[in-house]
Protein backbone atom coordinates (compact mmCIF):
# COMPACT_ATOMS: atom_id res chain seq x y z
CA MET A 1 10.90 22.35 -3.69
CA THR A 2 8.08 24.85 -4.30
CA ALA A 3 4.59 24.51 -3.89
CA GLY A 4 3.74 24.58 -7.76
CA GLU A 5 6.42 21.21 -7.85
CA TYR A 6 4.59 19.65 -5.00
CA ARG A 7 1.01 19.75 -6.84
CA ALA A 8 2.55 18.66 -10.02
CA LEU A 9 3.58 15.18 -7.50
CA LEU A 10 0.15 15.13 -6.14
CA ALA A 11 -0.96 15.70 -9.54
CA VAL A 12 0.61 12.29 -10.90
CA ASP A 13 -2.36 9.81 -11.83
CA PHE A 14 -2.24 6.46 -9.70
CA GLU A 15 -2.80 4.48 -13.08
CA ASP A 16 -0.05 5.94 -15.07
CA VAL A 17 2.60 4.88 -12.89
CA GLU A 18 4.33 1.60 -13.18
CA ILE A 19 4.69 0.09 -9.46
CA GLY A 20 8.59 -0.96 -10.37
CA SER A 21 9.01 2.75 -11.02
CA LEU A 22 7.89 3.91 -7.44
CA THR A 23 10.35 3.84 -4.17
CA ASP A 24 9.62 1.30 -1.98
CA ILE A 25 8.92 3.26 1.44
CA SER A 26 9.92 0.39 3.47
CA GLY A 27 13.44 0.19 2.30
CA ILE A 28 14.11 4.33 3.55
CA ARG A 29 15.92 4.83 6.42
CA ILE A 30 15.88 8.02 8.25
CA ASP A 31 18.49 9.32 10.99
CA LYS A 32 16.43 9.55 14.04
CA GLY A 33 19.17 11.68 15.58
CA LEU A 34 18.90 14.66 13.24
CA PRO A 35 16.30 17.33 13.73
CA LEU A 36 12.95 17.30 12.43
CA GLU A 37 13.78 19.20 9.31
CA LYS A 38 16.86 17.06 8.25
CA ARG A 39 14.67 13.96 8.67
CA ARG A 40 12.47 15.53 6.34
CA GLN A 41 14.68 16.27 3.77
CA GLN A 42 16.20 12.94 4.04
CA TYR A 43 12.60 11.41 3.28
CA LEU A 44 11.88 13.71 0.41
CA LYS A 45 15.53 12.65 -1.33
CA GLN A 46 14.74 9.34 -0.54
CA ALA A 47 11.51 8.79 -1.44
CA GLY A 48 11.22 11.30 -4.61
CA ASN A 49 7.25 11.33 -4.81
CA PRO A 50 6.23 11.68 -1.37
CA TYR A 51 2.50 11.34 -2.46
CA LEU A 52 2.76 8.50 -4.37
CA VAL A 53 4.70 5.52 -3.18
CA ARG A 54 5.12 1.60 -2.37
CA ILE A 55 4.95 -0.56 0.51
CA GLY A 56 6.39 -3.81 -1.02
CA ASN A 57 3.85 -5.03 -4.00
CA MET A 58 1.32 -2.26 -3.35
CA LYS A 59 0.79 1.07 -4.68
CA VAL A 60 0.00 4.11 -2.23
CA LYS A 61 -1.48 7.48 -2.95
CA VAL A 62 -1.51 9.68 -0.02
CA ARG A 63 -4.02 12.19 -0.12
CA PHE A 64 -5.21 14.43 3.19
CA ALA A 65 -9.00 16.02 3.65
CA GLU A 66 -9.01 19.47 3.35
CA ASN A 67 -10.67 19.48 6.98
CA GLY A 68 -8.24 17.16 8.57
CA VAL A 69 -5.22 17.26 9.45
CA SER A 70 -2.51 19.16 7.34
CA MET A 71 0.14 18.39 5.24
CA GLU A 72 2.75 19.48 7.48
CA GLU A 73 1.30 17.63 10.48
CA ALA A 74 1.03 14.46 8.98
CA PHE A 75 4.32 14.42 7.44
CA GLU A 76 5.91 15.48 10.82
CA ASN A 77 4.03 12.59 12.58
CA MET A 78 5.11 10.10 9.77
CA LEU A 79 8.90 11.09 10.46
CA LEU A 80 8.79 10.88 14.12
CA SER A 81 7.22 7.28 14.34
CA VAL A 82 10.16 6.26 12.04
């Protein structure tokens, strides 16, 4: 995926998306035995838009502060915890 494609996914408006169209990330299964890059690919394939997902009946928009942890670090930490 290109940087432009990621930006387009991030730009999707929270209010414009029906909850039923979002991936429930509580059902995502990642093979912990795989290297980090393969786990990243598994998550992205299953989640669709990694910035706008749902957990049960709640919509979740993922955002990162400019002065905080990078998307790469946050994503890596999330994958290491599943």
